[in-house]
Amino acid sequence: MRKMGVTNENDAPVRTERSAPREKAERTPPRQFIREVQAELRKVAWPTKAEVKKYSIVVLTTVVLFTTMIALFDVGFGKLSIWLFN
């Protein structure tokens, strides 16, 4: 805690001064905001159609496998609990 500056050498808490409240910044006009958003979107590395297909197949396969696994565990534990309590 000392390294973080929260306590002093006697392990007593250190009081910090609160910073002054920030002044409100000027609002960005909508037109400028849209221009900035478009500029940022141009910087994005968009995936190709083939990459989207591959990633979609991987995600769907994983979802199906995990859903099947959870369903099998659910059925197995259900049958086990019925067998144990009968």
N, C-alpha and C. Protein backbone atom coordinates (compact mmCIF):
# COMPACT_ATOMS: atom_id res chain seq x y z
N MET A 1 0.82 -1.18 0.00
CA MET A 1 0.00 0.00 0.00
C MET A 1 0.88 1.26 0.00
N ARG A 2 2.07 1.14 0.65
CA ARG A 2 2.96 2.30 0.65
C ARG A 2 3.41 2.65 -0.75
N LYS A 3 3.71 1.62 -1.55
CA LYS A 3 4.18 1.87 -2.92
C LYS A 3 3.11 2.59 -3.73
N MET A 4 1.86 2.29 -3.44
CA MET A 4 0.77 2.93 -4.17
C MET A 4 0.51 4.35 -3.68
N GLY A 5 1.11 4.72 -2.52
CA GLY A 5 0.90 6.05 -1.99
C GLY A 5 -0.37 6.18 -1.17
N VAL A 6 -0.94 5.05 -0.76
CA VAL A 6 -2.17 5.08 0.01
C VAL A 6 -1.87 5.22 1.51
N THR A 7 -0.73 4.65 1.95
CA THR A 7 -0.35 4.76 3.35
C THR A 7 1.06 5.33 3.45
N ASN A 8 1.36 5.90 4.62
CA ASN A 8 2.71 6.42 4.84
C ASN A 8 3.57 5.37 5.53
N GLU A 9 4.77 5.76 6.00
CA GLU A 9 5.68 4.78 6.60
C GLU A 9 5.14 4.18 7.89
N ASN A 10 4.18 4.84 8.55
CA ASN A 10 3.56 4.30 9.77
C ASN A 10 2.28 3.51 9.46
N ASP A 11 2.04 3.21 8.20
CA ASP A 11 0.85 2.52 7.74
C ASP A 11 -0.44 3.27 8.05
N ALA A 12 -0.34 4.58 8.20
CA ALA A 12 -1.53 5.41 8.39
C ALA A 12 -2.00 5.87 7.01
N PRO A 13 -3.30 5.95 6.81
CA PRO A 13 -3.80 6.37 5.50
C PRO A 13 -3.37 7.80 5.17
N VAL A 14 -3.05 8.01 3.93
CA VAL A 14 -2.62 9.32 3.48
C VAL A 14 -3.83 10.02 2.87
N ARG A 15 -4.08 11.24 3.34
CA ARG A 15 -5.21 12.01 2.79
C ARG A 15 -4.73 12.76 1.56
N THR A 16 -5.49 12.65 0.53
CA THR A 16 -5.14 13.38 -0.68
C THR A 16 -6.15 14.49 -0.90
N GLU A 17 -5.68 15.56 -1.49
CA GLU A 17 -6.55 16.69 -1.80
C GLU A 17 -7.39 16.33 -3.00
N ARG A 18 -8.63 16.68 -2.96
CA ARG A 18 -9.49 16.43 -4.11
C ARG A 18 -9.17 17.46 -5.19
N SER A 19 -9.17 16.99 -6.40
CA SER A 19 -8.90 17.91 -7.49
C SER A 19 -10.10 18.81 -7.72
N ALA A 20 -9.83 19.97 -8.23
CA ALA A 20 -10.90 20.92 -8.50
C ALA A 20 -11.80 20.37 -9.60
N PRO A 21 -13.08 20.65 -9.52
CA PRO A 21 -13.97 20.14 -10.58
C PRO A 21 -13.58 20.72 -11.93
N ARG A 22 -13.65 19.85 -12.94
CA ARG A 22 -13.28 20.30 -14.28
C ARG A 22 -14.36 21.20 -14.85
N GLU A 23 -13.92 22.13 -15.65
CA GLU A 23 -14.88 22.99 -16.33
C GLU A 23 -15.50 22.20 -17.47
N LYS A 24 -16.73 22.52 -17.78
CA LYS A 24 -17.39 21.81 -18.87
C LYS A 24 -16.74 22.20 -20.19
N ALA A 25 -16.42 21.18 -20.97
CA ALA A 25 -15.84 21.43 -22.29
C ALA A 25 -16.94 21.85 -23.25
N GLU A 26 -16.55 22.55 -24.28
CA GLU A 26 -17.53 22.93 -25.29
C GLU A 26 -18.04 21.69 -25.99
N ARG A 27 -19.30 21.71 -26.34
CA ARG A 27 -19.89 20.58 -27.05
C ARG A 27 -19.42 20.58 -28.50
N THR A 28 -19.21 19.38 -29.02
CA THR A 28 -18.84 19.23 -30.43
C THR A 28 -20.11 19.32 -31.27
N PRO A 29 -20.08 20.12 -32.32
CA PRO A 29 -21.27 20.19 -33.19
C PRO A 29 -21.50 18.84 -33.87
N PRO A 30 -22.76 18.50 -34.15
CA PRO A 30 -23.07 17.20 -34.75
C PRO A 30 -22.33 16.94 -36.06
N ARG A 31 -22.19 17.95 -36.89
CA ARG A 31 -21.51 17.76 -38.18
C ARG A 31 -20.05 17.36 -37.97
N GLN A 32 -19.38 18.02 -37.03
CA GLN A 32 -17.98 17.70 -36.74
C GLN A 32 -17.88 16.30 -36.12
N PHE A 33 -18.82 15.96 -35.25
CA PHE A 33 -18.82 14.64 -34.64
C PHE A 33 -18.92 13.56 -35.71
N ILE A 34 -19.82 13.72 -36.67
CA ILE A 34 -19.99 12.72 -37.73
C ILE A 34 -18.72 12.63 -38.57
N ARG A 35 -18.09 13.77 -38.87
CA ARG A 35 -16.83 13.74 -39.63
C ARG A 35 -15.75 12.97 -38.88
N GLU A 36 -15.66 13.19 -37.56
CA GLU A 36 -14.65 12.49 -36.76
C GLU A 36 -14.94 10.99 -36.69
N VAL A 37 -16.20 10.62 -36.59
CA VAL A 37 -16.57 9.21 -36.57
C VAL A 37 -16.19 8.55 -37.89
N GLN A 38 -16.49 9.22 -39.00
CA GLN A 38 -16.14 8.67 -40.31
C GLN A 38 -14.63 8.52 -40.45
N ALA A 39 -13.87 9.48 -39.95
CA ALA A 39 -12.41 9.40 -40.02
C ALA A 39 -11.90 8.21 -39.22
N GLU A 40 -12.49 7.97 -38.05
CA GLU A 40 -12.07 6.83 -37.24
C GLU A 40 -12.45 5.51 -37.90
N LEU A 41 -13.63 5.47 -38.52
CA LEU A 41 -14.06 4.23 -39.17
C LEU A 41 -13.18 3.89 -40.38
N ARG A 42 -12.59 4.90 -41.02
CA ARG A 42 -11.67 4.63 -42.13
C ARG A 42 -10.39 3.95 -41.64
N LYS A 43 -10.05 4.15 -40.37
CA LYS A 43 -8.83 3.56 -39.82
C LYS A 43 -9.00 2.09 -39.43
N VAL A 44 -10.25 1.63 -39.36
CA VAL A 44 -10.53 0.26 -38.90
C VAL A 44 -10.09 -0.74 -39.96
N ALA A 45 -9.46 -1.83 -39.51
CA ALA A 45 -9.08 -2.92 -40.42
C ALA A 45 -10.27 -3.88 -40.50
N TRP A 46 -11.11 -3.69 -41.51
CA TRP A 46 -12.31 -4.49 -41.65
C TRP A 46 -11.96 -5.87 -42.19
N PRO A 47 -12.61 -6.94 -41.68
CA PRO A 47 -12.32 -8.29 -42.19
C PRO A 47 -12.91 -8.49 -43.59
N THR A 48 -12.30 -9.40 -44.32
CA THR A 48 -12.82 -9.72 -45.65
C THR A 48 -14.04 -10.64 -45.51
N LYS A 49 -14.75 -10.85 -46.61
CA LYS A 49 -15.93 -11.70 -46.59
C LYS A 49 -15.55 -13.14 -46.21
N ALA A 50 -14.41 -13.60 -46.71
CA ALA A 50 -13.95 -14.96 -46.40
C ALA A 50 -13.62 -15.10 -44.91
N GLU A 51 -13.00 -14.07 -44.34
CA GLU A 51 -12.68 -14.13 -42.91
C GLU A 51 -13.95 -14.16 -42.06
N VAL A 52 -14.95 -13.37 -42.46
CA VAL A 52 -16.21 -13.35 -41.71
C VAL A 52 -16.86 -14.73 -41.76
N LYS A 53 -16.83 -15.38 -42.92
CA LYS A 53 -17.40 -16.73 -43.04
C LYS A 53 -16.67 -17.70 -42.13
N LYS A 54 -15.32 -17.66 -42.16
CA LYS A 54 -14.54 -18.58 -41.32
C LYS A 54 -14.83 -18.36 -39.84
N TYR A 55 -14.82 -17.10 -39.42
CA TYR A 55 -15.05 -16.80 -38.01
C TYR A 55 -16.47 -17.19 -37.59
N SER A 56 -17.43 -16.98 -38.47
CA SER A 56 -18.81 -17.34 -38.16
C SER A 56 -18.95 -18.84 -37.98
N ILE A 57 -18.30 -19.61 -38.85
CA ILE A 57 -18.35 -21.08 -38.73
C ILE A 57 -17.71 -21.53 -37.43
N VAL A 58 -16.58 -20.93 -37.07
CA VAL A 58 -15.91 -21.29 -35.81
C VAL A 58 -16.81 -20.99 -34.63
N VAL A 59 -17.44 -19.82 -34.62
CA VAL A 59 -18.32 -19.45 -33.50
C VAL A 59 -19.53 -20.37 -33.42
N LEU A 60 -20.18 -20.62 -34.54
CA LEU A 60 -21.37 -21.48 -34.53
C LEU A 60 -21.03 -22.90 -34.11
N THR A 61 -19.89 -23.43 -34.59
CA THR A 61 -19.47 -24.78 -34.19
C THR A 61 -19.21 -24.84 -32.69
N THR A 62 -18.53 -23.83 -32.17
CA THR A 62 -18.24 -23.80 -30.73
C THR A 62 -19.53 -23.72 -29.92
N VAL A 63 -20.48 -22.90 -30.35
CA VAL A 63 -21.75 -22.78 -29.64
C VAL A 63 -22.49 -24.11 -29.63
N VAL A 64 -22.53 -24.79 -30.77
CA VAL A 64 -23.22 -26.08 -30.85
C VAL A 64 -22.53 -27.11 -29.94
N LEU A 65 -21.20 -27.15 -29.96
CA LEU A 65 -20.48 -28.11 -29.12
C LEU A 65 -20.72 -27.85 -27.63
N PHE A 66 -20.63 -26.61 -27.21
CA PHE A 66 -20.82 -26.30 -25.80
C PHE A 66 -22.27 -26.53 -25.38
N THR A 67 -23.22 -26.21 -26.25
CA THR A 67 -24.63 -26.45 -25.93
C THR A 67 -24.89 -27.94 -25.77
N THR A 68 -24.33 -28.75 -26.66
CA THR A 68 -24.48 -30.20 -26.58
C THR A 68 -23.85 -30.73 -25.29
N MET A 69 -22.65 -30.24 -24.98
CA MET A 69 -21.96 -30.70 -23.78
C MET A 69 -22.76 -30.35 -22.52
N ILE A 70 -23.28 -29.14 -22.44
CA ILE A 70 -24.06 -28.72 -21.27
C ILE A 70 -25.35 -29.52 -21.17
N ALA A 71 -26.00 -29.77 -22.31
CA ALA A 71 -27.23 -30.57 -22.31
C ALA A 71 -26.95 -31.98 -21.82
N LEU A 72 -25.85 -32.59 -22.26
CA LEU A 72 -25.50 -33.94 -21.82
C LEU A 72 -25.20 -33.96 -20.32
N PHE A 73 -24.48 -32.96 -19.83
CA PHE A 73 -24.22 -32.89 -18.38
C PHE A 73 -25.54 -32.73 -17.62
N ASP A 74 -26.44 -31.91 -18.13
CA ASP A 74 -27.73 -31.68 -17.47
C ASP A 74 -28.52 -32.99 -17.38
N VAL A 75 -28.61 -33.70 -18.49
CA VAL A 75 -29.33 -34.98 -18.49
C VAL A 75 -28.64 -35.97 -17.56
N GLY A 76 -27.31 -36.05 -17.64
CA GLY A 76 -26.57 -36.99 -16.79
C GLY A 76 -26.74 -36.71 -15.32
N PHE A 77 -26.60 -35.45 -14.92
CA PHE A 77 -26.77 -35.11 -13.50
C PHE A 77 -28.22 -35.28 -13.06
N GLY A 78 -29.16 -35.03 -13.96
CA GLY A 78 -30.58 -35.24 -13.63
C GLY A 78 -30.85 -36.70 -13.35
N LYS A 79 -30.36 -37.59 -14.23
CA LYS A 79 -30.57 -39.03 -14.02
C LYS A 79 -29.84 -39.52 -12.78
N LEU A 80 -28.64 -38.98 -12.53
CA LEU A 80 -27.88 -39.36 -11.34
C LEU A 80 -28.61 -38.96 -10.07
N SER A 81 -29.16 -37.75 -10.05
CA SER A 81 -29.86 -37.30 -8.84
C SER A 81 -31.16 -38.09 -8.62
N ILE A 82 -31.86 -38.44 -9.70
CA ILE A 82 -33.07 -39.27 -9.56
C ILE A 82 -32.69 -40.65 -9.03
N TRP A 83 -31.60 -41.23 -9.55
CA TRP A 83 -31.14 -42.55 -9.10
C TRP A 83 -30.72 -42.50 -7.63
N LEU A 84 -30.02 -41.41 -7.20
CA LEU A 84 -29.54 -41.32 -5.84
C LEU A 84 -30.69 -41.15 -4.84
N PHE A 85 -31.71 -40.38 -5.20
CA PHE A 85 -32.78 -40.07 -4.24
C PHE A 85 -33.95 -41.05 -4.30
N ASN A 86 -33.89 -42.05 -5.16
CA ASN A 86 -34.97 -43.06 -5.18
C ASN A 86 -34.60 -44.25 -4.38
